[in-house]
Amino acid sequence: MLRARLDFALGRLWLLVGREGAALRRFELAIARLPKWALPLSTAAMYFARRRREGEALVAFRRAREMD
């Protein structure tokens, strides 16, 4: 669980500095380590929505909804 939280935190940090690919990889690692944790996916979905990438946001929101 600690590793999943660390991966999530690093993913958020990567988003802050504009490294989308690195952030999304960290979110996926967090999900792999803690499969029922929807927060990494919902964070990615919000990021996509803010960037007006509605299709990707919708996919991420749906995946997050299925997890919780």
N, C-alpha and C. Protein backbone atom coordinates (compact mmCIF):
# COMPACT_ATOMS: atom_id res chain seq x y z
N MET A 1 0.81 -1.19 0.00
CA MET A 1 0.00 0.00 0.00
C MET A 1 0.86 1.26 0.00
N LEU A 2 1.95 1.24 0.73
CA LEU A 2 2.84 2.39 0.77
C LEU A 2 3.43 2.69 -0.60
N ARG A 3 3.83 1.63 -1.33
CA ARG A 3 4.39 1.83 -2.68
C ARG A 3 3.35 2.43 -3.62
N ALA A 4 2.10 2.00 -3.50
CA ALA A 4 1.03 2.55 -4.34
C ALA A 4 0.86 4.04 -4.06
N ARG A 5 0.88 4.41 -2.81
CA ARG A 5 0.74 5.83 -2.45
C ARG A 5 1.93 6.65 -2.94
N LEU A 6 3.11 6.06 -2.86
CA LEU A 6 4.30 6.75 -3.37
C LEU A 6 4.20 6.94 -4.88
N ASP A 7 3.79 5.90 -5.60
CA ASP A 7 3.63 6.02 -7.05
C ASP A 7 2.61 7.10 -7.39
N PHE A 8 1.51 7.15 -6.65
CA PHE A 8 0.49 8.18 -6.88
C PHE A 8 1.06 9.58 -6.64
N ALA A 9 1.78 9.74 -5.53
CA ALA A 9 2.36 11.05 -5.21
C ALA A 9 3.35 11.48 -6.29
N LEU A 10 4.17 10.54 -6.75
CA LEU A 10 5.12 10.86 -7.81
C LEU A 10 4.40 11.20 -9.11
N GLY A 11 3.30 10.51 -9.38
CA GLY A 11 2.50 10.83 -10.56
C GLY A 11 1.97 12.25 -10.51
N ARG A 12 1.47 12.64 -9.35
CA ARG A 12 0.97 14.03 -9.22
C ARG A 12 2.11 15.03 -9.40
N LEU A 13 3.26 14.70 -8.87
CA LEU A 13 4.42 15.58 -9.04
C LEU A 13 4.79 15.71 -10.51
N TRP A 14 4.80 14.59 -11.23
CA TRP A 14 5.09 14.62 -12.66
C TRP A 14 4.08 15.49 -13.40
N LEU A 15 2.80 15.41 -13.02
CA LEU A 15 1.80 16.26 -13.67
C LEU A 15 2.11 17.74 -13.45
N LEU A 16 2.53 18.07 -12.24
CA LEU A 16 2.82 19.47 -11.92
C LEU A 16 3.94 20.04 -12.78
N VAL A 17 4.89 19.21 -13.16
CA VAL A 17 6.00 19.70 -13.97
C VAL A 17 5.81 19.43 -15.46
N GLY A 18 4.62 18.94 -15.82
CA GLY A 18 4.29 18.78 -17.23
C GLY A 18 4.74 17.50 -17.88
N ARG A 19 5.08 16.50 -17.11
CA ARG A 19 5.52 15.21 -17.66
C ARG A 19 4.36 14.22 -17.63
N GLU A 20 3.44 14.39 -18.56
CA GLU A 20 2.22 13.60 -18.60
C GLU A 20 2.48 12.10 -18.69
N GLY A 21 3.37 11.69 -19.58
CA GLY A 21 3.65 10.27 -19.75
C GLY A 21 4.17 9.62 -18.48
N ALA A 22 5.11 10.29 -17.83
CA ALA A 22 5.66 9.76 -16.58
C ALA A 22 4.57 9.70 -15.50
N ALA A 23 3.72 10.71 -15.47
CA ALA A 23 2.64 10.73 -14.47
C ALA A 23 1.68 9.57 -14.69
N LEU A 24 1.26 9.37 -15.92
CA LEU A 24 0.30 8.30 -16.20
C LEU A 24 0.90 6.93 -15.92
N ARG A 25 2.18 6.76 -16.19
CA ARG A 25 2.83 5.48 -15.86
C ARG A 25 2.83 5.25 -14.36
N ARG A 26 3.09 6.29 -13.58
CA ARG A 26 3.06 6.16 -12.11
C ARG A 26 1.66 5.84 -11.61
N PHE A 27 0.65 6.46 -12.21
CA PHE A 27 -0.72 6.16 -11.82
C PHE A 27 -1.05 4.70 -12.11
N GLU A 28 -0.63 4.20 -13.26
CA GLU A 28 -0.87 2.80 -13.59
C GLU A 28 -0.14 1.86 -12.63
N LEU A 29 1.07 2.23 -12.23
CA LEU A 29 1.79 1.42 -11.23
C LEU A 29 1.03 1.40 -9.91
N ALA A 30 0.52 2.56 -9.50
CA ALA A 30 -0.25 2.63 -8.26
C ALA A 30 -1.47 1.72 -8.33
N ILE A 31 -2.15 1.72 -9.47
CA ILE A 31 -3.34 0.88 -9.64
C ILE A 31 -2.95 -0.60 -9.64
N ALA A 32 -1.82 -0.93 -10.25
CA ALA A 32 -1.37 -2.33 -10.26
C ALA A 32 -1.05 -2.81 -8.84
N ARG A 33 -0.52 -1.92 -8.02
CA ARG A 33 -0.17 -2.30 -6.65
C ARG A 33 -1.39 -2.34 -5.71
N LEU A 34 -2.40 -1.52 -6.03
CA LEU A 34 -3.59 -1.44 -5.19
C LEU A 34 -4.80 -1.35 -6.12
N PRO A 35 -5.22 -2.49 -6.66
CA PRO A 35 -6.19 -2.53 -7.77
C PRO A 35 -7.55 -1.88 -7.51
N LYS A 36 -7.98 -1.79 -6.30
CA LYS A 36 -9.30 -1.20 -6.03
C LYS A 36 -9.24 0.29 -5.71
N TRP A 37 -8.09 0.91 -5.85
CA TRP A 37 -7.91 2.32 -5.52
C TRP A 37 -8.19 3.16 -6.76
N ALA A 38 -9.27 3.90 -6.73
CA ALA A 38 -9.71 4.67 -7.90
C ALA A 38 -9.08 6.05 -8.00
N LEU A 39 -8.47 6.54 -6.94
CA LEU A 39 -7.95 7.91 -6.94
C LEU A 39 -6.94 8.19 -8.06
N PRO A 40 -5.99 7.31 -8.34
CA PRO A 40 -5.07 7.61 -9.44
C PRO A 40 -5.79 7.79 -10.78
N LEU A 41 -6.78 6.96 -11.04
CA LEU A 41 -7.51 7.09 -12.30
C LEU A 41 -8.39 8.32 -12.32
N SER A 42 -9.03 8.64 -11.23
CA SER A 42 -9.87 9.83 -11.23
C SER A 42 -9.01 11.09 -11.35
N THR A 43 -7.81 11.06 -10.81
CA THR A 43 -6.89 12.19 -10.97
C THR A 43 -6.48 12.34 -12.43
N ALA A 44 -6.17 11.23 -13.08
CA ALA A 44 -5.85 11.27 -14.50
C ALA A 44 -7.04 11.77 -15.31
N ALA A 45 -8.24 11.33 -14.95
CA ALA A 45 -9.45 11.76 -15.66
C ALA A 45 -9.65 13.27 -15.53
N MET A 46 -9.45 13.80 -14.35
CA MET A 46 -9.58 15.25 -14.16
C MET A 46 -8.53 16.00 -14.97
N TYR A 47 -7.33 15.47 -15.03
CA TYR A 47 -6.27 16.09 -15.83
C TYR A 47 -6.70 16.14 -17.30
N PHE A 48 -7.19 15.01 -17.82
CA PHE A 48 -7.64 14.98 -19.21
C PHE A 48 -8.79 15.96 -19.43
N ALA A 49 -9.73 16.02 -18.51
CA ALA A 49 -10.88 16.92 -18.66
C ALA A 49 -10.43 18.38 -18.69
N ARG A 50 -9.49 18.74 -17.82
CA ARG A 50 -8.99 20.12 -17.82
C ARG A 50 -8.28 20.46 -19.12
N ARG A 51 -7.72 19.46 -19.78
CA ARG A 51 -7.03 19.68 -21.06
C ARG A 51 -7.98 19.53 -22.25
N ARG A 52 -9.27 19.38 -21.94
CA ARG A 52 -10.32 19.21 -22.97
C ARG A 52 -10.10 17.96 -23.82
N ARG A 53 -9.62 16.92 -23.19
CA ARG A 53 -9.44 15.62 -23.84
C ARG A 53 -10.54 14.71 -23.31
N GLU A 54 -11.77 15.03 -23.76
CA GLU A 54 -12.96 14.42 -23.19
C GLU A 54 -13.01 12.90 -23.35
N GLY A 55 -12.58 12.40 -24.49
CA GLY A 55 -12.61 10.95 -24.71
C GLY A 55 -11.76 10.20 -23.70
N GLU A 56 -10.54 10.68 -23.51
CA GLU A 56 -9.65 10.03 -22.54
C GLU A 56 -10.17 10.20 -21.12
N ALA A 57 -10.74 11.38 -20.84
CA ALA A 57 -11.30 11.62 -19.51
C ALA A 57 -12.44 10.66 -19.23
N LEU A 58 -13.31 10.47 -20.20
CA LEU A 58 -14.46 9.59 -20.02
C LEU A 58 -14.02 8.14 -19.76
N VAL A 59 -13.03 7.68 -20.51
CA VAL A 59 -12.52 6.31 -20.31
C VAL A 59 -11.95 6.16 -18.90
N ALA A 60 -11.16 7.15 -18.47
CA ALA A 60 -10.56 7.07 -17.13
C ALA A 60 -11.63 7.15 -16.04
N PHE A 61 -12.62 8.03 -16.21
CA PHE A 61 -13.70 8.11 -15.21
C PHE A 61 -14.46 6.79 -15.12
N ARG A 62 -14.73 6.18 -16.25
CA ARG A 62 -15.46 4.90 -16.24
C ARG A 62 -14.65 3.80 -15.55
N ARG A 63 -13.36 3.77 -15.85
CA ARG A 63 -12.51 2.77 -15.18
C ARG A 63 -12.48 2.99 -13.68
N ALA A 64 -12.40 4.27 -13.26
CA ALA A 64 -12.37 4.60 -11.84
C ALA A 64 -13.68 4.19 -11.17
N ARG A 65 -14.79 4.45 -11.84
CA ARG A 65 -16.09 4.09 -11.27
C ARG A 65 -16.22 2.58 -11.06
N GLU A 66 -15.65 1.80 -11.98
CA GLU A 66 -15.72 0.35 -11.84
C GLU A 66 -14.87 -0.17 -10.69
N MET A 67 -13.87 0.58 -10.29
CA MET A 67 -12.96 0.14 -9.23
C MET A 67 -13.56 0.29 -7.84
N ASP A 68 -14.20 1.42 -7.59
CA ASP A 68 -14.70 1.69 -6.24
C ASP A 68 -16.00 1.02 -5.95
